[in-house]
């Protein structure tokens, strides 16, 4: 079993460019404020049924709005990612935005 680790927004952006899967666990209405480019959507309320599309060996980065939900649900997120390395985005999408990283319109 892997261990969930927190990752800075800049390091997460680099890891995503290298092929990590970014997963937004916010609910649909929350995504109206924008999304991280390329992030798939697996709302926490439907996580068990969601497909995150992470092949074996591909790191997975989960995020919410500010990081609280990802930390509180780290065990469930780790289970969803399987044997892959699992990260939670420090500060969530708010931290990503504060780091000056790109945000796309609502999806």
C-alpha atoms as a PDB file:
ATOM      1  CA  UNK A   1       0.000   0.000   0.000  1.00  0.00           C
ATOM      2  CA  UNK A   2       1.237   3.467  -0.848  1.00  0.00           C
ATOM      3  CA  UNK A   3       1.214   6.504   1.368  1.00  0.00           C
ATOM      4  CA  UNK A   4      -0.679   9.677   0.520  1.00  0.00           C
ATOM      5  CA  UNK A   5       1.696  12.617   0.325  1.00  0.00           C
ATOM      6  CA  UNK A   6       0.974  16.322   0.087  1.00  0.00           C
ATOM      7  CA  UNK A   7       2.463  18.059  -2.949  1.00  0.00           C
ATOM      8  CA  UNK A   8       2.953  21.773  -3.647  1.00  0.00           C
ATOM      9  CA  UNK A   9       1.064  23.325  -6.555  1.00  0.00           C
ATOM     10  CA  UNK A  10       4.271  23.895  -8.559  1.00  0.00           C
ATOM     11  CA  UNK A  11       5.474  20.317  -8.002  1.00  0.00           C
ATOM     12  CA  UNK A  12       1.983  19.058  -8.891  1.00  0.00           C
ATOM     13  CA  UNK A  13       2.055  21.035 -12.142  1.00  0.00           C
ATOM     14  CA  UNK A  14       5.425  19.501 -13.015  1.00  0.00           C
ATOM     15  CA  UNK A  15       4.197  16.007 -12.165  1.00  0.00           C
ATOM     16  CA  UNK A  16       1.041  16.536 -14.243  1.00  0.00           C
ATOM     17  CA  UNK A  17       3.161  17.604 -17.217  1.00  0.00           C
ATOM     18  CA  UNK A  18       5.109  14.364 -16.772  1.00  0.00           C
ATOM     19  CA  UNK A  19       1.899  12.322 -16.999  1.00  0.00           C
ATOM     20  CA  UNK A  20       0.285  12.246 -13.561  1.00  0.00           C
ATOM     21  CA  UNK A  21      -3.501  12.085 -13.458  1.00  0.00           C
ATOM     22  CA  UNK A  22      -5.102  15.105 -11.750  1.00  0.00           C
ATOM     23  CA  UNK A  23      -8.467  14.353 -10.136  1.00  0.00           C
ATOM     24  CA  UNK A  24     -10.900  17.057  -9.000  1.00  0.00           C
ATOM     25  CA  UNK A  25     -13.079  15.728  -6.156  1.00  0.00           C
ATOM     26  CA  UNK A  26     -15.197  18.879  -5.862  1.00  0.00           C
ATOM     27  CA  UNK A  27     -18.895  18.680  -6.622  1.00  0.00           C
ATOM     28  CA  UNK A  28     -20.137  19.772 -10.043  1.00  0.00           C
ATOM     29  CA  UNK A  29     -21.433  23.178  -8.901  1.00  0.00           C
ATOM     30  CA  UNK A  30     -18.043  24.035  -7.381  1.00  0.00           C
ATOM     31  CA  UNK A  31     -16.370  23.613 -10.758  1.00  0.00           C
ATOM     32  CA  UNK A  32     -18.163  26.762 -11.966  1.00  0.00           C
ATOM     33  CA  UNK A  33     -15.234  28.734 -10.529  1.00  0.00           C
ATOM     34  CA  UNK A  34     -12.826  27.002 -12.924  1.00  0.00           C
ATOM     35  CA  UNK A  35     -10.795  23.834 -13.214  1.00  0.00           C
ATOM     36  CA  UNK A  36      -7.191  22.744 -13.462  1.00  0.00           C
ATOM     37  CA  UNK A  37      -6.491  22.042 -17.148  1.00  0.00           C
ATOM     38  CA  UNK A  38      -6.709  18.336 -17.896  1.00  0.00           C
ATOM     39  CA  UNK A  39      -8.160  17.351 -14.521  1.00  0.00           C
ATOM     40  CA  UNK A  40     -10.735  14.590 -14.552  1.00  0.00           C
ATOM     41  CA  UNK A  41     -13.826  14.907 -12.380  1.00  0.00           C
ATOM     42  CA  UNK A  42     -14.604  12.376  -9.659  1.00  0.00           C
ATOM     43  CA  UNK A  43     -16.836  14.156  -7.123  1.00  0.00           C
ATOM     44  CA  UNK A  44     -16.384  12.916  -3.591  1.00  0.00           C
ATOM     45  CA  UNK A  45     -20.112  12.154  -3.352  1.00  0.00           C
ATOM     46  CA  UNK A  46     -19.772   9.644  -6.232  1.00  0.00           C
ATOM     47  CA  UNK A  47     -16.137   8.612  -5.795  1.00  0.00           C
ATOM     48  CA  UNK A  48     -16.837   4.891  -5.562  1.00  0.00           C
ATOM     49  CA  UNK A  49     -18.415   4.851  -9.037  1.00  0.00           C
ATOM     50  CA  UNK A  50     -16.024   7.321 -10.678  1.00  0.00           C
ATOM     51  CA  UNK A  51     -13.401   6.368 -13.257  1.00  0.00           C
ATOM     52  CA  UNK A  52     -10.119   8.201 -12.795  1.00  0.00           C
ATOM     53  CA  UNK A  53      -8.282   6.627 -15.710  1.00  0.00           C
ATOM     54  CA  UNK A  54      -4.975   6.022 -13.976  1.00  0.00           C
ATOM     55  CA  UNK A  55      -3.020   3.139 -15.441  1.00  0.00           C
ATOM     56  CA  UNK A  56      -0.699   1.203 -13.173  1.00  0.00           C
ATOM     57  CA  UNK A  57       2.417   3.183 -12.288  1.00  0.00           C
ATOM     58  CA  UNK A  58       0.892   6.572 -13.100  1.00  0.00           C
ATOM     59  CA  UNK A  59       0.869   9.001 -10.146  1.00  0.00           C
ATOM     60  CA  UNK A  60      -2.493  10.426  -9.106  1.00  0.00           C
ATOM     61  CA  UNK A  61      -2.976  13.923  -7.663  1.00  0.00           C
ATOM     62  CA  UNK A  62      -6.302  14.612  -5.941  1.00  0.00           C
ATOM     63  CA  UNK A  63      -7.564  18.101  -5.201  1.00  0.00           C
ATOM     64  CA  UNK A  64     -10.558  19.888  -3.744  1.00  0.00           C
ATOM     65  CA  UNK A  65     -11.092  23.609  -3.104  1.00  0.00           C
ATOM     66  CA  UNK A  66      -8.646  24.236  -0.264  1.00  0.00           C
ATOM     67  CA  UNK A  67      -7.195  20.855   0.690  1.00  0.00           C
ATOM     68  CA  UNK A  68      -9.446  20.021   3.630  1.00  0.00           C
ATOM     69  CA  UNK A  69     -11.591  17.367   1.949  1.00  0.00           C
ATOM     70  CA  UNK A  70      -8.631  15.633   0.354  1.00  0.00           C
ATOM     71  CA  UNK A  71      -6.868  15.404   3.723  1.00  0.00           C
ATOM     72  CA  UNK A  72     -10.026  14.226   5.486  1.00  0.00           C
ATOM     73  CA  UNK A  73     -10.617  11.536   2.853  1.00  0.00           C
ATOM     74  CA  UNK A  74      -7.015  10.501   2.194  1.00  0.00           C
ATOM     75  CA  UNK A  75      -7.664   6.815   2.911  1.00  0.00           C
ATOM     76  CA  UNK A  76     -10.561   6.612   0.422  1.00  0.00           C
ATOM     77  CA  UNK A  77      -8.548   8.495  -2.196  1.00  0.00           C
ATOM     78  CA  UNK A  78      -5.606   6.174  -1.714  1.00  0.00           C
ATOM     79  CA  UNK A  79      -7.886   3.179  -2.169  1.00  0.00           C
ATOM     80  CA  UNK A  80      -9.373   4.684  -5.346  1.00  0.00           C
ATOM     81  CA  UNK A  81      -5.911   5.181  -6.850  1.00  0.00           C
ATOM     82  CA  UNK A  82      -4.925   1.575  -6.229  1.00  0.00           C
ATOM     83  CA  UNK A  83      -1.201   0.826  -6.217  1.00  0.00           C
ATOM     84  CA  UNK A  84      -0.278   4.149  -7.839  1.00  0.00           C
ATOM     85  CA  UNK A  85       1.597   6.900  -6.000  1.00  0.00           C
ATOM     86  CA  UNK A  86      -1.006   9.189  -4.449  1.00  0.00           C
ATOM     87  CA  UNK A  87      -0.707  12.906  -3.781  1.00  0.00           C
ATOM     88  CA  UNK A  88      -3.043  15.550  -2.452  1.00  0.00           C
ATOM     89  CA  UNK A  89      -2.624  19.084  -3.710  1.00  0.00           C
ATOM     90  CA  UNK A  90      -1.573  21.425  -0.903  1.00  0.00           C
ATOM     91  CA  UNK A  91      -4.121  24.235  -0.685  1.00  0.00           C
ATOM     92  CA  UNK A  92      -6.375  22.616  -3.294  1.00  0.00           C
ATOM     93  CA  UNK A  93      -7.327  24.593  -6.383  1.00  0.00           C
ATOM     94  CA  UNK A  94      -7.086  27.774  -4.280  1.00  0.00           C
ATOM     95  CA  UNK A  95      -3.382  27.038  -3.722  1.00  0.00           C
ATOM     96  CA  UNK A  96      -2.963  26.270  -7.428  1.00  0.00           C
ATOM     97  CA  UNK A  97      -4.559  29.613  -8.318  1.00  0.00           C
ATOM     98  CA  UNK A  98      -2.490  31.472  -5.683  1.00  0.00           C
ATOM     99  CA  UNK A  99       0.680  29.983  -7.238  1.00  0.00           C
ATOM    100  CA  UNK A 100      -0.263  31.643 -10.537  1.00  0.00           C
ATOM    101  CA  UNK A 101      -0.905  28.340 -12.316  1.00  0.00           C
ATOM    102  CA  UNK A 102      -3.475  28.153 -15.136  1.00  0.00           C
ATOM    103  CA  UNK A 103      -7.197  27.680 -14.563  1.00  0.00           C
ATOM    104  CA  UNK A 104      -9.713  26.928 -17.326  1.00  0.00           C
ATOM    105  CA  UNK A 105     -13.334  28.003 -17.382  1.00  0.00           C
ATOM    106  CA  UNK A 106     -15.972  25.746 -15.882  1.00  0.00           C
ATOM    107  CA  UNK A 107     -16.223  22.160 -17.164  1.00  0.00           C
END
